Amino acid sequence: MLNFTAYTVDQIKDAFGILSGQRYEFIIEIEVEEDDELYTENGIYIRALYLVDEEKTRLLKYELFEKATDRYIELELEDDELQAVENFCKEHAQDGAVN
């Protein structure tokens, strides 16, 4: 189980105006149990790209990184963890909205 401890969210600007909807970049710090395969002593964070469009919202992409070194971690989240990340992004996307 993931425990979300901190996050930042920024709206990604579409300089050319060719993409539909709004895209947000999340940096989400998480805690995991020591016996979890995602666990590292240096901590871990998720970089996620999330789409908010008139007709749909969805997680476009995510990557896992070691917090202290910014080293990419080549693992995938389980389905329930992925759903938790998507729900988190959905709840907090407007925090990064630019007026």
N, C-alpha and C. Protein backbone atom coordinates (compact mmCIF):
# COMPACT_ATOMS: atom_id res chain seq x y z
N MET A 1 0.84 -1.19 0.00
CA MET A 1 0.00 0.00 0.00
C MET A 1 0.88 1.24 0.00
N LEU A 2 0.47 2.21 -0.80
CA LEU A 2 1.20 3.46 -0.90
C LEU A 2 0.66 4.46 0.11
N ASN A 3 1.57 5.20 0.72
CA ASN A 3 1.20 6.29 1.60
C ASN A 3 1.76 7.57 0.98
N PHE A 4 0.87 8.43 0.49
CA PHE A 4 1.29 9.68 -0.13
C PHE A 4 1.66 10.66 0.97
N THR A 5 2.90 11.18 0.93
CA THR A 5 3.37 12.05 2.01
C THR A 5 3.49 13.51 1.61
N ALA A 6 3.77 13.79 0.34
CA ALA A 6 3.90 15.17 -0.14
C ALA A 6 3.77 15.15 -1.65
N TYR A 7 3.40 16.30 -2.21
CA TYR A 7 3.31 16.37 -3.66
C TYR A 7 3.44 17.80 -4.15
N THR A 8 3.81 17.91 -5.41
CA THR A 8 3.71 19.17 -6.14
C THR A 8 2.99 18.85 -7.44
N VAL A 9 2.29 19.84 -7.96
CA VAL A 9 1.60 19.67 -9.24
C VAL A 9 1.73 20.97 -10.02
N ASP A 10 2.07 20.83 -11.29
CA ASP A 10 2.20 21.98 -12.18
C ASP A 10 1.48 21.69 -13.48
N GLN A 11 0.77 22.68 -13.96
CA GLN A 11 0.12 22.55 -15.26
C GLN A 11 1.20 22.69 -16.33
N ILE A 12 1.15 21.81 -17.31
CA ILE A 12 2.10 21.85 -18.42
C ILE A 12 1.49 22.72 -19.52
N LYS A 13 2.22 23.72 -19.91
CA LYS A 13 1.73 24.64 -20.94
C LYS A 13 1.93 24.02 -22.32
N ASP A 14 0.93 24.14 -23.16
CA ASP A 14 0.99 23.70 -24.56
C ASP A 14 1.31 24.93 -25.41
N ALA A 15 2.58 25.14 -25.66
CA ALA A 15 3.02 26.34 -26.36
C ALA A 15 2.43 26.48 -27.76
N PHE A 16 2.12 25.38 -28.40
CA PHE A 16 1.62 25.44 -29.77
C PHE A 16 0.10 25.30 -29.86
N GLY A 17 -0.57 24.98 -28.78
CA GLY A 17 -2.01 24.88 -28.76
C GLY A 17 -2.57 23.72 -29.57
N ILE A 18 -1.79 22.63 -29.68
CA ILE A 18 -2.24 21.50 -30.50
C ILE A 18 -2.81 20.35 -29.69
N LEU A 19 -2.62 20.36 -28.38
CA LEU A 19 -3.11 19.28 -27.54
C LEU A 19 -4.45 19.67 -26.93
N SER A 20 -5.36 18.71 -26.87
CA SER A 20 -6.65 18.99 -26.23
C SER A 20 -6.53 18.78 -24.73
N GLY A 21 -7.33 19.50 -23.98
CA GLY A 21 -7.35 19.35 -22.54
C GLY A 21 -6.14 19.99 -21.86
N GLN A 22 -6.07 19.75 -20.55
CA GLN A 22 -4.97 20.27 -19.74
C GLN A 22 -4.14 19.09 -19.22
N ARG A 23 -2.84 19.26 -19.21
CA ARG A 23 -1.95 18.23 -18.70
C ARG A 23 -1.25 18.76 -17.45
N TYR A 24 -1.09 17.86 -16.50
CA TYR A 24 -0.47 18.22 -15.23
C TYR A 24 0.66 17.25 -14.92
N GLU A 25 1.75 17.80 -14.40
CA GLU A 25 2.86 16.97 -13.94
C GLU A 25 2.84 16.93 -12.42
N PHE A 26 2.77 15.74 -11.88
CA PHE A 26 2.79 15.52 -10.44
C PHE A 26 4.13 14.93 -10.03
N ILE A 27 4.65 15.40 -8.93
CA ILE A 27 5.76 14.75 -8.23
C ILE A 27 5.16 14.36 -6.87
N ILE A 28 5.01 13.05 -6.65
CA ILE A 28 4.33 12.56 -5.45
C ILE A 28 5.31 11.73 -4.64
N GLU A 29 5.65 12.20 -3.45
CA GLU A 29 6.50 11.42 -2.55
C GLU A 29 5.64 10.38 -1.86
N ILE A 30 6.18 9.16 -1.75
CA ILE A 30 5.42 8.09 -1.13
C ILE A 30 6.27 7.35 -0.11
N GLU A 31 5.60 6.71 0.81
CA GLU A 31 6.23 5.79 1.75
C GLU A 31 5.68 4.41 1.46
N VAL A 32 6.55 3.42 1.53
CA VAL A 32 6.13 2.04 1.37
C VAL A 32 6.75 1.21 2.49
N GLU A 33 6.14 0.10 2.79
CA GLU A 33 6.66 -0.80 3.82
C GLU A 33 8.04 -1.33 3.42
N GLU A 34 8.87 -1.66 4.40
CA GLU A 34 10.21 -2.18 4.12
C GLU A 34 10.19 -3.48 3.33
N ASP A 35 9.15 -4.28 3.48
CA ASP A 35 9.09 -5.55 2.77
C ASP A 35 8.49 -5.41 1.36
N ASP A 36 8.14 -4.19 0.96
CA ASP A 36 7.60 -3.94 -0.38
C ASP A 36 8.75 -3.88 -1.38
N GLU A 37 8.53 -4.39 -2.56
CA GLU A 37 9.57 -4.39 -3.60
C GLU A 37 9.96 -2.97 -4.01
N LEU A 38 9.10 -1.99 -3.79
CA LEU A 38 9.41 -0.60 -4.14
C LEU A 38 10.30 0.09 -3.11
N TYR A 39 10.48 -0.50 -1.96
CA TYR A 39 11.18 0.15 -0.86
C TYR A 39 12.64 0.42 -1.19
N THR A 40 13.10 1.64 -0.88
CA THR A 40 14.52 1.98 -0.89
C THR A 40 14.79 2.82 0.36
N GLU A 41 15.99 2.70 0.90
CA GLU A 41 16.36 3.49 2.08
C GLU A 41 16.33 4.98 1.80
N ASN A 42 16.56 5.35 0.55
CA ASN A 42 16.63 6.76 0.17
C ASN A 42 15.28 7.38 -0.14
N GLY A 43 14.21 6.61 -0.03
CA GLY A 43 12.88 7.12 -0.33
C GLY A 43 12.57 7.01 -1.81
N ILE A 44 11.30 7.24 -2.13
CA ILE A 44 10.84 7.07 -3.50
C ILE A 44 9.80 8.13 -3.82
N TYR A 45 9.77 8.51 -5.10
CA TYR A 45 8.70 9.40 -5.55
C TYR A 45 8.22 8.96 -6.93
N ILE A 46 7.01 9.41 -7.25
CA ILE A 46 6.39 9.10 -8.53
C ILE A 46 6.29 10.39 -9.32
N ARG A 47 6.71 10.34 -10.56
CA ARG A 47 6.48 11.44 -11.50
C ARG A 47 5.35 10.98 -12.40
N ALA A 48 4.23 11.71 -12.38
CA ALA A 48 3.05 11.29 -13.13
C ALA A 48 2.57 12.42 -14.03
N LEU A 49 2.12 12.06 -15.23
CA LEU A 49 1.49 13.00 -16.13
C LEU A 49 0.01 12.66 -16.20
N TYR A 50 -0.83 13.65 -15.98
CA TYR A 50 -2.27 13.43 -15.87
C TYR A 50 -3.00 14.37 -16.82
N LEU A 51 -4.02 13.85 -17.50
CA LEU A 51 -4.82 14.60 -18.47
C LEU A 51 -6.20 14.91 -17.90
N VAL A 52 -6.61 16.15 -18.03
CA VAL A 52 -7.97 16.57 -17.72
C VAL A 52 -8.54 17.17 -19.00
N ASP A 53 -9.55 16.51 -19.55
CA ASP A 53 -10.18 16.95 -20.78
C ASP A 53 -11.68 17.02 -20.52
N GLU A 54 -12.41 17.65 -21.41
CA GLU A 54 -13.86 17.76 -21.24
C GLU A 54 -14.52 16.39 -21.14
N GLU A 55 -14.05 15.45 -21.92
CA GLU A 55 -14.69 14.14 -21.99
C GLU A 55 -14.03 13.08 -21.13
N LYS A 56 -12.80 13.31 -20.70
CA LYS A 56 -12.10 12.26 -19.96
C LYS A 56 -11.01 12.84 -19.07
N THR A 57 -10.67 12.08 -18.07
CA THR A 57 -9.49 12.34 -17.25
C THR A 57 -8.77 11.01 -17.14
N ARG A 58 -7.44 11.06 -17.20
CA ARG A 58 -6.71 9.80 -17.06
C ARG A 58 -5.24 10.04 -16.82
N LEU A 59 -4.62 9.03 -16.25
CA LEU A 59 -3.19 9.01 -16.04
C LEU A 59 -2.53 8.65 -17.36
N LEU A 60 -1.69 9.54 -17.86
CA LEU A 60 -1.04 9.29 -19.14
C LEU A 60 0.22 8.46 -19.00
N LYS A 61 0.99 8.73 -17.94
CA LYS A 61 2.29 8.08 -17.77
C LYS A 61 2.74 8.28 -16.33
N TYR A 62 3.52 7.33 -15.84
CA TYR A 62 4.15 7.51 -14.54
C TYR A 62 5.53 6.87 -14.56
N GLU A 63 6.40 7.37 -13.70
CA GLU A 63 7.74 6.81 -13.54
C GLU A 63 8.07 6.86 -12.05
N LEU A 64 8.88 5.92 -11.61
CA LEU A 64 9.31 5.84 -10.22
C LEU A 64 10.77 6.25 -10.13
N PHE A 65 11.10 7.03 -9.09
CA PHE A 65 12.46 7.50 -8.89
C PHE A 65 12.85 7.38 -7.43
N GLU A 66 14.14 7.12 -7.20
CA GLU A 66 14.68 7.16 -5.84
C GLU A 66 14.84 8.62 -5.46
N LYS A 67 14.33 8.99 -4.30
CA LYS A 67 14.26 10.39 -3.91
C LYS A 67 15.64 11.03 -3.74
N ALA A 68 16.56 10.41 -3.04
CA ALA A 68 17.84 11.03 -2.73
C ALA A 68 18.75 11.16 -3.95
N THR A 69 18.61 10.26 -4.93
CA THR A 69 19.52 10.25 -6.07
C THR A 69 18.86 10.61 -7.39
N ASP A 70 17.55 10.68 -7.44
CA ASP A 70 16.78 10.87 -8.67
C ASP A 70 17.03 9.75 -9.68
N ARG A 71 17.44 8.59 -9.18
CA ARG A 71 17.69 7.44 -10.04
C ARG A 71 16.36 6.80 -10.43
N TYR A 72 16.17 6.55 -11.74
CA TYR A 72 14.97 5.91 -12.25
C TYR A 72 14.90 4.48 -11.72
N ILE A 73 13.73 4.07 -11.28
CA ILE A 73 13.51 2.71 -10.78
C ILE A 73 12.64 1.99 -11.79
N GLU A 74 13.17 0.92 -12.33
CA GLU A 74 12.49 0.19 -13.41
C GLU A 74 11.55 -0.86 -12.83
N LEU A 75 10.50 -0.40 -12.18
CA LEU A 75 9.46 -1.26 -11.63
C LEU A 75 8.11 -0.68 -12.02
N GLU A 76 7.08 -1.50 -11.95
CA GLU A 76 5.73 -1.04 -12.24
C GLU A 76 4.89 -1.14 -10.98
N LEU A 77 3.92 -0.25 -10.87
CA LEU A 77 2.97 -0.30 -9.77
C LEU A 77 1.96 -1.40 -10.03
N GLU A 78 1.45 -1.97 -8.96
CA GLU A 78 0.37 -2.95 -9.08
C GLU A 78 -0.92 -2.20 -9.42
N ASP A 79 -1.92 -2.94 -9.91
CA ASP A 79 -3.15 -2.31 -10.37
C ASP A 79 -3.81 -1.44 -9.30
N ASP A 80 -3.87 -1.91 -8.05
CA ASP A 80 -4.50 -1.12 -7.00
C ASP A 80 -3.68 0.12 -6.66
N GLU A 81 -2.35 0.02 -6.74
CA GLU A 81 -1.49 1.17 -6.50
C GLU A 81 -1.65 2.19 -7.63
N LEU A 82 -1.72 1.70 -8.85
CA LEU A 82 -1.91 2.57 -10.00
C LEU A 82 -3.24 3.31 -9.90
N GLN A 83 -4.28 2.61 -9.47
CA GLN A 83 -5.59 3.24 -9.29
C GLN A 83 -5.54 4.30 -8.20
N ALA A 84 -4.79 4.05 -7.13
CA ALA A 84 -4.64 5.02 -6.06
C ALA A 84 -3.94 6.29 -6.56
N VAL A 85 -2.92 6.12 -7.40
CA VAL A 85 -2.21 7.27 -7.97
C VAL A 85 -3.15 8.06 -8.88
N GLU A 86 -3.90 7.35 -9.71
CA GLU A 86 -4.83 8.03 -10.61
C GLU A 86 -5.89 8.80 -9.82
N ASN A 87 -6.43 8.20 -8.78
CA ASN A 87 -7.42 8.88 -7.93
C ASN A 87 -6.82 10.11 -7.26
N PHE A 88 -5.57 9.98 -6.79
CA PHE A 88 -4.87 11.10 -6.16
C PHE A 88 -4.73 12.26 -7.14
N CYS A 89 -4.30 11.95 -8.36
CA CYS A 89 -4.14 12.98 -9.38
C CYS A 89 -5.47 13.64 -9.71
N LYS A 90 -6.51 12.85 -9.82
CA LYS A 90 -7.84 13.39 -10.12
C LYS A 90 -8.28 14.37 -9.05
N GLU A 91 -8.03 14.03 -7.79
CA GLU A 91 -8.43 14.87 -6.67
C GLU A 91 -7.64 16.17 -6.59
N HIS A 92 -6.37 16.15 -7.06
CA HIS A 92 -5.48 17.28 -6.84
C HIS A 92 -5.07 18.03 -8.11
N ALA A 93 -5.59 17.66 -9.25
CA ALA A 93 -5.18 18.30 -10.51
C ALA A 93 -5.44 19.80 -10.48
N GLN A 94 -6.56 20.23 -9.95
CA GLN A 94 -6.89 21.64 -9.96
C GLN A 94 -5.95 22.48 -9.09
N ASP A 95 -5.18 21.82 -8.21
CA ASP A 95 -4.19 22.54 -7.41
C ASP A 95 -3.11 23.16 -8.30
N GLY A 96 -2.92 22.59 -9.49
CA GLY A 96 -1.90 23.10 -10.40
C GLY A 96 -2.45 23.93 -11.54
N ALA A 97 -3.76 24.18 -11.52
CA ALA A 97 -4.38 24.92 -12.62
C ALA A 97 -3.92 26.36 -12.65
N VAL A 98 -3.68 26.84 -13.85
CA VAL A 98 -3.30 28.23 -14.08
C VAL A 98 -4.54 28.97 -14.57
N ASN A 99 -4.86 30.06 -13.96
CA ASN A 99 -6.04 30.83 -14.37
C ASN A 99 -5.75 31.74 -15.53
